[in-house]
Amino acid sequence: MPAFSAQPLRRKNRTLAEEAVAALMHPIQQGIWQTGDKLPSEAELIRQLGVSRTVVREAISRLQAQGRVETRQGVGTFVLPSPVSTCPQEASPDSKIEDSAARLELFRALASESAALAALRRTSADLARLRHAASQLSLAPADSELDPQTEIQQAARAFFHALADTARSHYLSQHLATLGYTASPEHRLPADSHAAAAQRNWIRQEYATIIAAIQEQDATGARQATCAYLSRTVA
C-alpha cells in the first residue's frame, strides 16, 4: 500500500468532509496513489486525518461520486483511472437541466431494478442492513459534525448502496455510486428543520414499504414501490 501521511484537518471555509476529500485527492493527483492502488483502511484514515468515521465515509462517498475511487465490499477502496472530460466547454443552462433530468431517470431505473433483484436475492443480514440504513433517518445526533441535511443524505446513500449490494450486482452498485445518489429526493430536502423532520418521517415510511416487499421476495412489488417513491419525489 502506498504511504500516506496527512496533518489533522483544520476548518477553513470548507466543511470537514470537503477538507477530507481534498486531503485524499492530493496523493491521487500527485501520483502517490495510482490506478488500482488500495487506499488505507478506514481506521488508518481516521487516525491520519483526525476526523470521525462519519467524515471519512462522507469523503469516500464523494470520491466515489466523482469516479475517482470504487469500494469493493469486504475488500477495500481502490483508485480508479482519471475520468476523461468529454465537455471541454461549459455546459449551457438548458443542457444542464437536460442532464439533470437524464440522471434522475437513470437513477430511478437503476434503483428500481436493484430493488427487484434484491427481493430475489436478499438474506436476513441484507434485511437488517436495509432496516438499519432506514433507521438512520430518525437520528440526528446533537454533537454530529455534519448538518442535518447531510446526515439525511448519508442515510439515503447507505440505503441505496445496501439495496444495490443486496441485488448482488457489482455493476448496479458501481453505477449508482457513480451517480452519487444525488438524484435521490433526500438531496432536495427543505432547509427548514421542521420541514426536514416531516420529510424524514415520510421517507422512512417509504423505505419501510420497499423493505417489506423485499422481505416478502416480491420483486414486482419492490420494483414498483421504489419507482413510485422516486417518481413522486424527483419531479
C-alpha atoms as a PDB file:
ATOM      1  CA  MET A   1       0.000   0.000   0.000  1.00  0.00           C
ATOM      2  CA  PRO A   2       1.440   3.429  -0.919  1.00  0.00           C
ATOM      3  CA  ALA A   3       2.482   5.554   2.030  1.00  0.00           C
ATOM      4  CA  PHE A   4       0.003   8.138   3.213  1.00  0.00           C
ATOM      5  CA  SER A   5       0.556  10.851   5.746  1.00  0.00           C
ATOM      6  CA  ALA A   6      -1.639  13.828   6.429  1.00  0.00           C
ATOM      7  CA  GLN A   7      -1.869  16.535   9.023  1.00  0.00           C
ATOM      8  CA  PRO A   8      -5.131  16.614  11.005  1.00  0.00           C
ATOM      9  CA  LEU A   9      -7.648  18.723   9.130  1.00  0.00           C
ATOM     10  CA  ARG A  10      -8.394  22.298  10.069  1.00  0.00           C
ATOM     11  CA  ARG A  11     -11.657  24.017   9.143  1.00  0.00           C
ATOM     12  CA  LYS A  12     -11.160  26.960   6.811  1.00  0.00           C
ATOM     13  CA  ASN A  13     -14.004  27.953   4.558  1.00  0.00           C
ATOM     14  CA  ARG A  14     -14.799  24.305   3.874  1.00  0.00           C
ATOM     15  CA  THR A  15     -16.544  21.546   5.793  1.00  0.00           C
ATOM     16  CA  LEU A  16     -14.542  18.735   7.335  1.00  0.00           C
ATOM     17  CA  ALA A  17     -15.795  16.405   4.610  1.00  0.00           C
ATOM     18  CA  GLU A  18     -14.574  18.801   1.906  1.00  0.00           C
ATOM     19  CA  GLU A  19     -11.212  19.064   3.651  1.00  0.00           C
ATOM     20  CA  ALA A  20     -11.003  15.277   3.817  1.00  0.00           C
ATOM     21  CA  VAL A  21     -11.789  14.970   0.096  1.00  0.00           C
ATOM     22  CA  ALA A  22      -9.013  17.445  -0.711  1.00  0.00           C
ATOM     23  CA  ALA A  23      -6.577  15.562   1.515  1.00  0.00           C
ATOM     24  CA  LEU A  24      -7.377  12.245  -0.163  1.00  0.00           C
ATOM     25  CA  MET A  25      -7.302  13.735  -3.656  1.00  0.00           C
ATOM     26  CA  HIS A  26      -3.792  15.127  -3.155  1.00  0.00           C
ATOM     27  CA  PRO A  27      -1.919  11.785  -3.292  1.00  0.00           C
ATOM     28  CA  ILE A  28      -4.081  10.722  -6.266  1.00  0.00           C
ATOM     29  CA  GLN A  29      -3.301  13.906  -8.200  1.00  0.00           C
ATOM     30  CA  GLN A  30       0.380  13.704  -7.279  1.00  0.00           C
ATOM     31  CA  GLY A  31       0.635  10.108  -8.454  1.00  0.00           C
ATOM     32  CA  ILE A  32       1.417   8.777  -4.979  1.00  0.00           C
ATOM     33  CA  TRP A  33      -1.719   6.669  -5.283  1.00  0.00           C
ATOM     34  CA  GLN A  34      -2.092   5.291  -8.781  1.00  0.00           C
ATOM     35  CA  THR A  35      -4.846   3.419 -10.611  1.00  0.00           C
ATOM     36  CA  GLY A  36      -5.564   0.138  -8.837  1.00  0.00           C
ATOM     37  CA  ASP A  37      -3.875   1.139  -5.571  1.00  0.00           C
ATOM     38  CA  LYS A  38      -5.785   0.321  -2.409  1.00  0.00           C
ATOM     39  CA  LEU A  39      -6.435   3.193  -0.026  1.00  0.00           C
ATOM     40  CA  PRO A  40      -5.505   2.860   3.670  1.00  0.00           C
ATOM     41  CA  SER A  41      -8.102   1.315   5.924  1.00  0.00           C
ATOM     42  CA  GLU A  42     -10.915   3.412   7.350  1.00  0.00           C
ATOM     43  CA  ALA A  43      -9.299   3.234  10.808  1.00  0.00           C
ATOM     44  CA  GLU A  44      -5.983   4.491   9.395  1.00  0.00           C
ATOM     45  CA  LEU A  45      -7.666   7.374   7.554  1.00  0.00           C
ATOM     46  CA  ILE A  46      -9.495   8.361  10.738  1.00  0.00           C
ATOM     47  CA  ARG A  47      -6.172   8.394  12.579  1.00  0.00           C
ATOM     48  CA  GLN A  48      -4.250  10.257   9.890  1.00  0.00           C
ATOM     49  CA  LEU A  49      -6.909  12.890   9.181  1.00  0.00           C
ATOM     50  CA  GLY A  50      -8.001  13.321  12.773  1.00  0.00           C
ATOM     51  CA  VAL A  51     -11.715  13.162  11.976  1.00  0.00           C
ATOM     52  CA  SER A  52     -14.649  10.877  12.737  1.00  0.00           C
ATOM     53  CA  ARG A  53     -15.716   7.752  10.863  1.00  0.00           C
ATOM     54  CA  THR A  54     -18.720   9.708   9.546  1.00  0.00           C
ATOM     55  CA  VAL A  55     -16.474  12.309   7.884  1.00  0.00           C
ATOM     56  CA  VAL A  56     -14.185   9.687   6.341  1.00  0.00           C
ATOM     57  CA  ARG A  57     -17.168   7.801   4.902  1.00  0.00           C
ATOM     58  CA  GLU A  58     -18.629  11.024   3.511  1.00  0.00           C
ATOM     59  CA  ALA A  59     -15.301  11.850   1.840  1.00  0.00           C
ATOM     60  CA  ILE A  60     -15.021   8.367   0.307  1.00  0.00           C
ATOM     61  CA  SER A  61     -18.627   8.625  -0.892  1.00  0.00           C
ATOM     62  CA  ARG A  62     -17.875  11.929  -2.621  1.00  0.00           C
ATOM     63  CA  LEU A  63     -14.800  10.459  -4.303  1.00  0.00           C
ATOM     64  CA  GLN A  64     -16.941   7.553  -5.488  1.00  0.00           C
ATOM     65  CA  ALA A  65     -19.455  10.016  -6.909  1.00  0.00           C
ATOM     66  CA  GLN A  66     -16.621  11.759  -8.783  1.00  0.00           C
ATOM     67  CA  GLY A  67     -15.487   8.437 -10.236  1.00  0.00           C
ATOM     68  CA  ARG A  68     -12.083   8.644  -8.542  1.00  0.00           C
ATOM     69  CA  VAL A  69     -12.369   5.543  -6.337  1.00  0.00           C
ATOM     70  CA  GLU A  70     -14.510   2.426  -6.015  1.00  0.00           C
ATOM     71  CA  THR A  71     -15.249   0.411  -2.888  1.00  0.00           C
ATOM     72  CA  ARG A  72     -15.408  -3.363  -3.189  1.00  0.00           C
ATOM     73  CA  GLN A  73     -17.486  -4.905  -0.454  1.00  0.00           C
ATOM     74  CA  GLY A  74     -15.285  -6.676   2.070  1.00  0.00           C
ATOM     75  CA  VAL A  75     -12.097  -5.880   0.157  1.00  0.00           C
ATOM     76  CA  GLY A  76     -11.398  -2.155   0.335  1.00  0.00           C
ATOM     77  CA  THR A  77     -11.373   1.090  -1.638  1.00  0.00           C
ATOM     78  CA  PHE A  78      -9.303   1.392  -4.816  1.00  0.00           C
ATOM     79  CA  VAL A  79      -8.181   4.251  -7.069  1.00  0.00           C
ATOM     80  CA  LEU A  80      -9.886   4.408 -10.463  1.00  0.00           C
ATOM     81  CA  PRO A  81      -8.425   5.847 -13.691  1.00  0.00           C
ATOM     82  CA  SER A  82      -8.857   9.591 -14.013  1.00  0.00           C
ATOM     83  CA  PRO A  83     -12.142  10.335 -15.786  1.00  0.00           C
ATOM     84  CA  VAL A  84     -11.724  11.815 -19.256  1.00  0.00           C
ATOM     85  CA  SER A  85     -13.645  15.019 -19.777  1.00  0.00           C
ATOM     86  CA  THR A  86     -15.942  14.950 -22.793  1.00  0.00           C
ATOM     87  CA  CYS A  87     -17.206  18.515 -22.258  1.00  0.00           C
ATOM     88  CA  PRO A  88     -14.319  20.936 -22.749  1.00  0.00           C
ATOM     89  CA  GLN A  89     -16.720  23.878 -22.874  1.00  0.00           C
ATOM     90  CA  GLU A  90     -19.011  24.914 -20.075  1.00  0.00           C
ATOM     91  CA  ALA A  91     -22.467  23.421 -20.489  1.00  0.00           C
ATOM     92  CA  SER A  92     -25.367  25.764 -21.139  1.00  0.00           C
ATOM     93  CA  PRO A  93     -28.150  26.100 -18.540  1.00  0.00           C
ATOM     94  CA  ASP A  94     -30.525  24.184 -20.813  1.00  0.00           C
ATOM     95  CA  SER A  95     -28.090  21.298 -21.260  1.00  0.00           C
ATOM     96  CA  LYS A  96     -27.517  21.182 -17.501  1.00  0.00           C
ATOM     97  CA  ILE A  97     -31.262  20.877 -16.927  1.00  0.00           C
ATOM     98  CA  GLU A  98     -31.495  18.120 -19.534  1.00  0.00           C
ATOM     99  CA  ASP A  99     -28.532  16.323 -17.962  1.00  0.00           C
ATOM    100  CA  SER A 100     -30.113  16.553 -14.525  1.00  0.00           C
ATOM    101  CA  ALA A 101     -33.382  15.101 -15.823  1.00  0.00           C
ATOM    102  CA  ALA A 102     -31.491  12.253 -17.508  1.00  0.00           C
ATOM    103  CA  ARG A 103     -29.639  11.490 -14.265  1.00  0.00           C
ATOM    104  CA  LEU A 104     -32.911  11.376 -12.342  1.00  0.00           C
ATOM    105  CA  GLU A 105     -34.384   8.998 -14.899  1.00  0.00           C
ATOM    106  CA  LEU A 106     -31.333   6.744 -14.828  1.00  0.00           C
ATOM    107  CA  PHE A 107     -31.207   6.713 -11.037  1.00  0.00           C
ATOM    108  CA  ARG A 108     -34.880   5.726 -10.860  1.00  0.00           C
ATOM    109  CA  ALA A 109     -34.359   2.875 -13.336  1.00  0.00           C
ATOM    110  CA  LEU A 110     -31.241   1.533 -11.610  1.00  0.00           C
ATOM    111  CA  ALA A 111     -32.659   1.797  -8.105  1.00  0.00           C
ATOM    112  CA  SER A 112     -35.937   0.137  -9.100  1.00  0.00           C
ATOM    113  CA  GLU A 113     -34.158  -2.768 -10.775  1.00  0.00           C
ATOM    114  CA  SER A 114     -31.857  -3.095  -7.760  1.00  0.00           C
ATOM    115  CA  ALA A 115     -34.922  -3.421  -5.528  1.00  0.00           C
ATOM    116  CA  ALA A 116     -36.407  -6.138  -7.760  1.00  0.00           C
ATOM    117  CA  LEU A 117     -33.205  -8.171  -7.744  1.00  0.00           C
ATOM    118  CA  ALA A 118     -32.769  -7.554  -4.020  1.00  0.00           C
ATOM    119  CA  ALA A 119     -36.168  -9.151  -3.400  1.00  0.00           C
ATOM    120  CA  LEU A 120     -34.996 -12.297  -5.167  1.00  0.00           C
ATOM    121  CA  ARG A 121     -31.557 -12.494  -3.569  1.00  0.00           C
ATOM    122  CA  ARG A 122     -31.858 -10.987  -0.113  1.00  0.00           C
ATOM    123  CA  THR A 123     -30.685 -12.640   3.079  1.00  0.00           C
ATOM    124  CA  SER A 124     -31.669 -11.886   6.661  1.00  0.00           C
ATOM    125  CA  ALA A 125     -28.400  -9.965   7.005  1.00  0.00           C
ATOM    126  CA  ASP A 126     -29.320  -7.840   3.979  1.00  0.00           C
ATOM    127  CA  LEU A 127     -32.713  -7.022   5.506  1.00  0.00           C
ATOM    128  CA  ALA A 128     -31.026  -5.998   8.757  1.00  0.00           C
ATOM    129  CA  ARG A 129     -28.677  -3.692   6.849  1.00  0.00           C
ATOM    130  CA  LEU A 130     -31.545  -2.084   4.931  1.00  0.00           C
ATOM    131  CA  ARG A 131     -33.540  -1.540   8.123  1.00  0.00           C
ATOM    132  CA  HIS A 132     -30.507  -0.051   9.831  1.00  0.00           C
ATOM    133  CA  ALA A 133     -29.970   2.396   6.967  1.00  0.00           C
ATOM    134  CA  ALA A 134     -33.640   3.417   7.070  1.00  0.00           C
ATOM    135  CA  SER A 135     -33.493   3.889  10.831  1.00  0.00           C
ATOM    136  CA  GLN A 136     -30.710   6.464  10.449  1.00  0.00           C
ATOM    137  CA  LEU A 137     -33.259   8.904   9.032  1.00  0.00           C
ATOM    138  CA  SER A 138     -34.685   9.336  12.515  1.00  0.00           C
ATOM    139  CA  LEU A 139     -31.309  10.026  14.087  1.00  0.00           C
ATOM    140  CA  ALA A 140     -29.798  13.493  14.294  1.00  0.00           C
ATOM    141  CA  PRO A 141     -27.028  13.451  16.919  1.00  0.00           C
ATOM    142  CA  ALA A 142     -26.626  16.816  18.608  1.00  0.00           C
ATOM    143  CA  ASP A 143     -22.841  16.502  18.551  1.00  0.00           C
ATOM    144  CA  SER A 144     -22.653  15.492  14.882  1.00  0.00           C
ATOM    145  CA  GLU A 145     -20.020  17.247  12.789  1.00  0.00           C
ATOM    146  CA  LEU A 146     -22.439  17.308   9.843  1.00  0.00           C
ATOM    147  CA  ASP A 147     -25.540  19.409   9.282  1.00  0.00           C
ATOM    148  CA  PRO A 148     -28.953  17.638   9.457  1.00  0.00           C
ATOM    149  CA  GLN A 149     -29.415  17.577   5.681  1.00  0.00           C
ATOM    150  CA  THR A 150     -26.026  15.952   5.160  1.00  0.00           C
ATOM    151  CA  GLU A 151     -26.888  13.377   7.821  1.00  0.00           C
ATOM    152  CA  ILE A 152     -30.084  12.526   5.923  1.00  0.00           C
ATOM    153  CA  GLN A 153     -28.225  12.338   2.614  1.00  0.00           C
ATOM    154  CA  GLN A 154     -25.723   9.924   4.147  1.00  0.00           C
ATOM    155  CA  ALA A 155     -28.566   7.712   5.348  1.00  0.00           C
ATOM    156  CA  ALA A 156     -30.012   7.775   1.816  1.00  0.00           C
ATOM    157  CA  ARG A 157     -26.678   6.775   0.309  1.00  0.00           C
ATOM    158  CA  ALA A 158     -26.394   3.937   2.822  1.00  0.00           C
ATOM    159  CA  PHE A 159     -29.901   2.729   1.950  1.00  0.00           C
ATOM    160  CA  PHE A 160     -29.474   2.743  -1.813  1.00  0.00           C
ATOM    161  CA  HIS A 161     -25.973   1.321  -1.542  1.00  0.00           C
ATOM    162  CA  ALA A 162     -27.347  -1.512   0.604  1.00  0.00           C
ATOM    163  CA  LEU A 163     -30.111  -2.003  -1.963  1.00  0.00           C
ATOM    164  CA  ALA A 164     -27.572  -2.383  -4.776  1.00  0.00           C
ATOM    165  CA  ASP A 165     -25.391  -4.707  -2.696  1.00  0.00           C
ATOM    166  CA  THR A 166     -28.417  -6.860  -1.873  1.00  0.00           C
ATOM    167  CA  ALA A 167     -29.080  -7.154  -5.611  1.00  0.00           C
ATOM    168  CA  ARG A 168     -25.650  -8.840  -5.858  1.00  0.00           C
ATOM    169  CA  SER A 169     -24.780  -6.768  -8.923  1.00  0.00           C
ATOM    170  CA  HIS A 170     -21.411  -5.047  -8.926  1.00  0.00           C
ATOM    171  CA  TYR A 171     -22.379  -3.009 -11.977  1.00  0.00           C
ATOM    172  CA  LEU A 172     -25.607  -1.697 -10.477  1.00  0.00           C
ATOM    173  CA  SER A 173     -23.768  -0.758  -7.303  1.00  0.00           C
ATOM    174  CA  GLN A 174     -20.979   0.936  -9.249  1.00  0.00           C
ATOM    175  CA  HIS A 175     -23.321   2.932 -11.467  1.00  0.00           C
ATOM    176  CA  LEU A 176     -25.469   4.097  -8.554  1.00  0.00           C
ATOM    177  CA  ALA A 177     -22.307   5.175  -6.741  1.00  0.00           C
ATOM    178  CA  THR A 178     -21.097   6.991  -9.873  1.00  0.00           C
ATOM    179  CA  LEU A 179     -24.342   8.954  -9.927  1.00  0.00           C
ATOM    180  CA  GLY A 180     -23.512   9.815  -6.329  1.00  0.00           C
ATOM    181  CA  TYR A 181     -27.073   9.140  -5.161  1.00  0.00           C
ATOM    182  CA  THR A 182     -27.653  12.861  -5.746  1.00  0.00           C
ATOM    183  CA  ALA A 183     -30.665  12.005  -7.870  1.00  0.00           C
ATOM    184  CA  SER A 184     -32.485  10.703  -4.808  1.00  0.00           C
ATOM    185  CA  PRO A 185     -35.038  13.069  -3.234  1.00  0.00           C
ATOM    186  CA  GLU A 186     -33.116  13.260   0.022  1.00  0.00           C
ATOM    187  CA  HIS A 187     -30.802  15.768  -1.679  1.00  0.00           C
ATOM    188  CA  ARG A 188     -33.624  18.246  -2.117  1.00  0.00           C
ATOM    189  CA  LEU A 189     -34.918  18.420   1.427  1.00  0.00           C
ATOM    190  CA  PRO A 190     -36.010  21.857   2.649  1.00  0.00           C
ATOM    191  CA  ALA A 191     -33.528  23.776   4.771  1.00  0.00           C
ATOM    192  CA  ASP A 192     -36.140  24.385   7.473  1.00  0.00           C
ATOM    193  CA  SER A 193     -35.516  21.836  10.235  1.00  0.00           C
ATOM    194  CA  HIS A 194     -39.220  21.208  10.967  1.00  0.00           C
ATOM    195  CA  ALA A 195     -39.995  20.592   7.304  1.00  0.00           C
ATOM    196  CA  ALA A 196     -36.961  18.340   7.014  1.00  0.00           C
ATOM    197  CA  ALA A 197     -38.135  16.352  10.052  1.00  0.00           C
ATOM    198  CA  ALA A 198     -41.501  15.736   8.394  1.00  0.00           C
ATOM    199  CA  GLN A 199     -39.728  14.676   5.215  1.00  0.00           C
ATOM    200  CA  ARG A 200     -37.530  12.258   7.194  1.00  0.00           C
ATOM    201  CA  ASN A 201     -40.591  10.556   8.652  1.00  0.00           C
ATOM    202  CA  TRP A 202     -42.236  10.265   5.243  1.00  0.00           C
ATOM    203  CA  ILE A 203     -39.089   8.923   3.564  1.00  0.00           C
ATOM    204  CA  ARG A 204     -38.622   6.366   6.342  1.00  0.00           C
ATOM    205  CA  GLN A 205     -42.166   5.107   5.733  1.00  0.00           C
ATOM    206  CA  GLU A 206     -41.442   4.826   2.012  1.00  0.00           C
ATOM    207  CA  TYR A 207     -38.278   2.858   2.731  1.00  0.00           C
ATOM    208  CA  ALA A 208     -40.315   0.558   5.010  1.00  0.00           C
ATOM    209  CA  THR A 209     -42.689  -0.202   2.115  1.00  0.00           C
ATOM    210  CA  ILE A 210     -39.753  -1.086  -0.143  1.00  0.00           C
ATOM    211  CA  ILE A 211     -38.152  -3.256   2.545  1.00  0.00           C
ATOM    212  CA  ALA A 212     -41.437  -5.067   3.209  1.00  0.00           C
ATOM    213  CA  ALA A 213     -41.684  -6.075  -0.461  1.00  0.00           C
ATOM    214  CA  ILE A 214     -38.068  -7.232  -0.435  1.00  0.00           C
ATOM    215  CA  GLN A 215     -38.687  -9.263   2.721  1.00  0.00           C
ATOM    216  CA  GLU A 216     -41.639 -10.978   1.028  1.00  0.00           C
ATOM    217  CA  GLN A 217     -39.411 -11.622  -2.012  1.00  0.00           C
ATOM    218  CA  ASP A 218     -41.933  -9.718  -4.122  1.00  0.00           C
ATOM    219  CA  ALA A 219     -39.748  -8.480  -6.979  1.00  0.00           C
ATOM    220  CA  THR A 220     -42.578  -6.721  -8.799  1.00  0.00           C
ATOM    221  CA  GLY A 221     -43.780  -5.038  -5.622  1.00  0.00           C
ATOM    222  CA  ALA A 222     -40.245  -3.913  -4.682  1.00  0.00           C
ATOM    223  CA  ARG A 223     -39.661  -2.500  -8.166  1.00  0.00           C
ATOM    224  CA  GLN A 224     -42.991  -0.674  -8.193  1.00  0.00           C
ATOM    225  CA  ALA A 225     -42.584   0.700  -4.658  1.00  0.00           C
ATOM    226  CA  THR A 226     -39.129   2.076  -5.445  1.00  0.00           C
ATOM    227  CA  CYS A 227     -40.188   3.534  -8.790  1.00  0.00           C
ATOM    228  CA  ALA A 228     -43.320   5.103  -7.287  1.00  0.00           C
ATOM    229  CA  TYR A 229     -41.321   6.650  -4.423  1.00  0.00           C
ATOM    230  CA  LEU A 230     -38.727   8.152  -6.722  1.00  0.00           C
ATOM    231  CA  SER A 231     -41.323   9.271  -9.280  1.00  0.00           C
ATOM    232  CA  ARG A 232     -43.246  11.180  -6.603  1.00  0.00           C
ATOM    233  CA  THR A 233     -40.189  12.907  -5.259  1.00  0.00           C
ATOM    234  CA  VAL A 234     -37.834  13.690  -8.153  1.00  0.00           C
ATOM    235  CA  ALA A 235     -40.310  15.749 -10.165  1.00  0.00           C
END
